[in-house]
Protein backbone atom coordinates (compact mmCIF):
# COMPACT_ATOMS: atom_id res chain seq x y z
CA MET A 1 265.04 -33.77 108.75
CA ARG A 2 264.01 -35.89 105.70
CA LEU A 3 264.26 -34.87 101.94
CA ARG A 4 262.87 -36.90 99.40
CA GLY A 5 264.87 -37.88 96.30
CA ARG A 6 263.30 -36.11 93.27
CA GLY A 7 264.07 -36.92 89.57
CA PHE A 8 266.92 -39.43 90.20
CA THR A 9 265.38 -41.77 87.59
CA ALA A 10 264.02 -39.20 85.27
CA ARG A 11 266.91 -38.90 82.94
CA GLY A 12 267.78 -42.24 82.22
CA ASP A 13 271.34 -41.66 83.07
CA PRO A 14 272.77 -44.57 85.35
CA GLU A 15 274.18 -42.09 87.82
CA SER A 16 270.89 -40.33 88.14
CA GLU A 17 269.52 -43.45 89.50
CA ILE A 18 271.50 -43.47 92.60
CA PRO A 19 269.30 -41.93 95.32
CA PRO A 20 270.95 -40.08 98.28
CA ALA A 21 271.74 -41.88 101.51
CA PHE A 22 270.87 -39.64 104.47
CA ALA A 23 272.67 -40.58 107.73
CA PHE A 24 270.39 -39.84 110.61
CA ASP A 25 272.05 -41.46 113.35
CA LEU A 26 275.08 -43.55 114.12
CA LEU A 27 274.49 -46.80 116.07
CA ARG A 28 277.91 -48.14 115.84
CA LEU A 29 281.41 -46.90 115.41
CA SER A 30 284.59 -49.00 114.90
CA GLY A 31 283.10 -52.08 116.53
CA THR A 32 281.54 -49.82 119.56
CA ASP A 33 277.86 -50.02 120.19
CA THR A 34 276.90 -46.23 120.60
CA THR A 35 273.18 -46.82 121.16
CA SER A 36 273.75 -45.83 124.77
CA TRP A 37 275.48 -42.55 123.91
CA PRO A 38 273.20 -39.44 124.12
CA TYR A 39 272.18 -38.14 120.85
CA ARG A 40 274.56 -35.13 121.23
CA ARG A 41 277.62 -37.26 121.44
CA ARG A 42 276.38 -39.73 118.33
CA ARG A 43 275.75 -36.57 116.41
CA ALA A 44 279.28 -35.29 116.82
CA ALA A 45 280.81 -38.62 116.28
CA ARG A 46 278.81 -38.93 112.97
CA GLU A 47 279.89 -35.56 111.78
CA SER A 48 283.73 -36.71 112.55
CA VAL A 49 283.31 -39.65 110.49
CA PHE A 50 282.07 -37.78 107.44
CA ALA A 51 284.86 -35.22 107.83
CA ALA A 52 287.50 -37.85 108.53
CA ARG A 53 286.43 -40.03 105.36
CA ARG A 54 285.65 -37.08 103.34
CA LEU A 55 282.26 -38.68 102.60
CA SER A 56 280.20 -37.07 99.78
CA ALA A 57 277.02 -37.54 97.46
CA PRO A 58 275.29 -39.87 97.41
CA ARG A 59 276.06 -40.08 101.22
CA VAL A 60 274.59 -36.95 102.83
CA LEU A 61 274.87 -35.90 106.60
CA CYS A 62 271.43 -35.20 107.81
CA PRO A 63 271.23 -31.49 108.67
CA SER A 64 270.50 -30.60 112.27
CA THR A 65 269.96 -27.69 114.40
CA THR A 66 268.87 -26.29 117.79
CA GLU A 67 267.78 -22.96 116.31
CA VAL A 68 263.96 -22.35 115.99
CA GLY A 69 264.76 -20.04 113.16
CA VAL A 70 266.43 -22.24 111.08
CA VAL A 71 263.74 -24.96 111.46
CA ARG A 72 261.12 -22.45 110.47
CA GLU A 73 263.19 -21.71 107.23
CA TRP A 74 263.53 -25.57 106.56
CA LEU A 75 259.70 -25.83 106.68
CA THR A 76 259.37 -23.31 103.79
CA TRP A 77 261.34 -25.71 101.51
CA ALA A 78 258.56 -28.16 100.66
CA SER A 79 258.76 -27.21 96.96
CA VAL A 80 262.15 -28.91 96.74
CA GLY A 81 261.21 -31.95 98.71
CA MET A 82 261.23 -31.18 102.42
CA GLU A 83 258.81 -33.40 104.05
CA GLY A 84 259.07 -32.21 107.78
CA VAL A 85 261.36 -32.24 110.68
CA VAL A 86 262.03 -34.88 113.42
CA PHE A 87 262.70 -33.67 117.08
CA LYS A 88 265.16 -35.42 119.26
CA ARG A 89 266.33 -34.75 122.72
CA LEU A 90 269.94 -34.03 122.86
CA ASP A 91 270.64 -36.31 125.99
CA ASP A 92 268.48 -39.17 124.75
CA ALA A 93 270.11 -42.60 124.20
CA TYR A 94 268.89 -44.79 121.15
CA ARG A 95 266.18 -46.90 122.07
CA PRO A 96 265.25 -49.45 119.41
CA SER A 97 261.52 -50.10 118.70
CA VAL A 98 260.60 -47.14 120.98
CA ARG A 99 259.02 -43.94 119.35
CA GLY A 100 260.95 -41.58 121.29
CA TRP A 101 261.17 -38.87 118.61
CA GLN A 102 258.51 -36.55 117.36
CA LYS A 103 258.06 -35.68 113.79
CA TYR A 104 256.31 -32.73 112.37
CA LYS A 105 255.14 -32.98 108.57
CA VAL A 106 254.49 -30.35 106.25
CA ARG A 107 251.15 -30.49 104.94
CA GLU A 108 249.25 -28.78 102.09
CA THR A 109 245.60 -28.74 100.61
CA SER A 110 245.20 -30.17 97.30
CA GLU A 111 242.41 -31.33 94.92
CA ALA A 112 241.90 -34.63 93.29
CA ILE A 113 239.17 -36.76 91.48
CA VAL A 114 237.62 -39.61 92.93
CA GLY A 115 237.87 -42.50 90.53
CA ALA A 116 237.00 -45.49 93.02
CA ILE A 117 236.21 -46.27 96.60
CA THR A 118 236.43 -49.14 98.94
CA GLY A 119 233.42 -50.27 100.70
CA SER A 120 229.98 -49.77 98.55
CA LEU A 121 228.46 -46.79 96.97
CA ALA A 122 225.98 -46.76 99.78
CA VAL A 123 228.60 -46.63 102.39
CA PRO A 124 232.03 -45.82 101.03
CA ARG A 125 234.94 -46.27 103.26
CA THR A 126 237.83 -44.70 101.59
CA LEU A 127 238.24 -42.62 98.47
CA LEU A 128 240.67 -43.69 95.61
CA LEU A 129 241.83 -40.39 93.90
CA GLY A 130 243.21 -39.57 90.61
CA ARG A 131 244.41 -36.78 88.30
CA TYR A 132 244.23 -36.57 84.26
CA ASP A 133 247.98 -36.26 83.24
CA THR A 134 248.98 -34.02 80.18
CA GLU A 135 248.11 -36.85 77.78
CA GLY A 136 244.74 -37.26 78.99
CA ARG A 137 245.43 -40.53 81.04
CA PHE A 138 243.60 -40.74 84.45
CA GLN A 139 246.59 -41.52 86.76
CA TYR A 140 245.99 -42.85 90.41
CA VAL A 141 247.65 -40.43 93.08
CA GLY A 142 246.26 -41.93 96.25
CA ARG A 143 243.58 -42.51 98.71
CA THR A 144 241.97 -40.98 101.64
CA THR A 145 241.88 -42.06 105.46
CA THR A 146 238.89 -44.19 106.35
CA LEU A 147 235.83 -41.86 106.14
CA ALA A 148 233.60 -40.91 109.16
CA GLN A 149 230.05 -41.97 108.78
CA ALA A 150 228.86 -38.46 108.26
CA ALA A 151 231.54 -37.98 105.67
CA GLY A 152 230.65 -41.08 103.88
CA ALA A 153 227.09 -40.32 103.93
CA ALA A 154 227.91 -36.67 102.47
CA VAL A 155 229.81 -38.37 99.39
CA THR A 156 227.26 -41.24 98.72
CA GLY A 157 224.88 -38.95 96.83
CA LEU A 158 227.69 -37.43 94.62
CA LEU A 159 228.96 -40.76 93.26
CA ALA A 160 227.89 -42.75 90.13
CA ALA A 161 228.83 -46.22 89.50
CA GLY A 162 231.77 -46.65 86.96
CA ARG A 163 230.64 -47.41 83.26
CA ARG A 164 232.08 -49.71 80.75
CA GLY A 165 235.45 -48.39 79.73
CA HIS A 166 236.30 -46.80 83.04
CA PRO A 167 240.07 -45.84 82.81
CA TRP A 168 241.06 -47.88 85.73
CA THR A 169 239.36 -51.15 84.58
CA GLY A 170 241.54 -54.02 85.43
CA TRP A 171 243.82 -52.34 87.61
CA SER A 172 244.82 -53.38 91.05
CA PHE A 173 245.63 -50.87 94.00
CA SER A 174 248.00 -51.50 96.97
CA ALA A 175 246.64 -51.39 100.37
CA GLY A 176 249.42 -49.09 101.55
CA TRP A 177 252.87 -47.69 100.38
CA GLY A 178 255.15 -50.65 100.30
CA SER A 179 252.37 -53.24 100.91
CA ARG A 180 251.73 -56.34 98.66
CA GLU A 181 248.21 -56.48 99.99
CA THR A 182 245.65 -55.15 97.22
CA LEU A 183 242.39 -53.33 97.92
CA ASN A 184 238.96 -54.50 97.02
CA VAL A 185 237.36 -51.42 95.17
CA THR A 186 234.44 -50.42 93.22
CA LEU A 187 235.13 -48.08 90.26
CA VAL A 188 233.08 -44.85 90.13
CA GLU A 189 232.83 -42.33 87.39
CA PRO A 190 235.65 -39.81 87.49
CA GLU A 191 233.42 -36.69 87.88
CA LEU A 192 233.66 -35.74 91.63
CA VAL A 193 236.36 -33.40 92.70
CA GLY A 194 237.53 -33.51 96.28
CA GLU A 195 239.52 -31.25 98.42
CA VAL A 196 242.08 -33.04 100.60
CA GLY A 197 244.89 -32.44 103.10
CA VAL A 198 248.04 -34.17 102.46
CA ASP A 199 251.67 -34.14 103.40
CA VAL A 200 254.15 -33.63 100.82
CA ALA A 201 255.92 -37.12 100.72
CA ARG A 202 255.57 -38.45 97.29
CA ASP A 203 256.73 -41.61 95.70
CA ALA A 204 258.76 -41.59 92.52
CA SER A 205 255.68 -41.66 90.18
CA GLY A 206 254.35 -38.64 92.12
CA ARG A 207 251.75 -40.76 94.34
CA TRP A 208 251.32 -39.50 97.80
CA ARG A 209 252.89 -42.04 100.04
CA HIS A 210 250.40 -41.46 103.07
CA PRO A 211 246.74 -41.47 103.08
CA ALA A 212 245.13 -38.03 102.19
CA ARG A 213 242.50 -36.33 104.75
CA ARG A 214 239.42 -35.71 103.22
CA HIS A 215 238.31 -32.01 103.52
CA ARG A 216 235.18 -31.52 101.46
CA ALA A 217 233.73 -32.21 97.92
CA ARG A 218 234.05 -29.51 95.38
CA PRO A 219 231.29 -29.88 92.98
CA ASP A 220 232.12 -26.55 91.75
CA LEU A 221 235.11 -27.72 90.23
CA SER A 222 235.48 -29.67 86.97
CA PRO A 223 237.98 -32.71 86.54
CA THR A 224 239.60 -30.54 83.71
CA ASP A 225 240.32 -27.83 86.49
CA ILE A 226 242.76 -30.08 88.35
CA ALA A 227 246.40 -29.85 87.59
CA PRO A 228 248.21 -32.89 86.34
CA PRO A 229 250.13 -35.14 88.55
CA VAL A 230 254.01 -34.67 88.73
CA ALA A 231 255.45 -38.07 87.38
CA ARG A 232 259.02 -38.88 87.79
CA ARG A 233 259.18 -42.04 86.14
CA PHE A 234 256.97 -44.60 84.41
CA SER A 235 255.79 -47.25 86.97
CA SER A 236 254.50 -50.90 86.61
CA GLY A 237 252.60 -53.58 88.57
CA ARG A 238 250.23 -52.66 91.22
CA GLN A 239 248.93 -49.19 91.64
């Protein structure tokens, strides 16, 4: 299970800037390599370490369960930062660089305004999305996955090239969360609202950490109908 840190930099209090450190696994214990141990044993050892050393916040023992009902309850906690759950076999050893776990992400439907695209107006490849904040500033919140040909064709006639004074003029956009690569984008007038499917993972400024899946255009909605982003701190540098 993964919880995202919320509000840890919002108050300006130095103590509030320390994010939680979640212990997901235990790969070494007192000089002993534990990667060959089954997960059940590694989990028990991790719990013993926390108890013996009386570890507390910001160190957190990641919750674990084998009860389906408990997992279902966890998946209702998206509003407080629950991103999803990870499934591990109790008898599995730890295998570096091998995807032996399964992840289920909490997803939701949301709306945002198209402010730029990659590709061209004739053949858009991805949509860069934004929302107006409470002070009327158009803030970037994320981008879509690559559009299928039919989806791109459906959007083309609904987009207009950005005019002088576009709120994102001079901005650069990261190619991905944590990436230093920037995107080559074409600004469009922030008029078209789109419905997208997103997981609930956000960065500290409220942007979606993972690409959104385009569902459909919402020409029935106005940009002023869209709720503002939930910003947790001021950000700088690339968008």
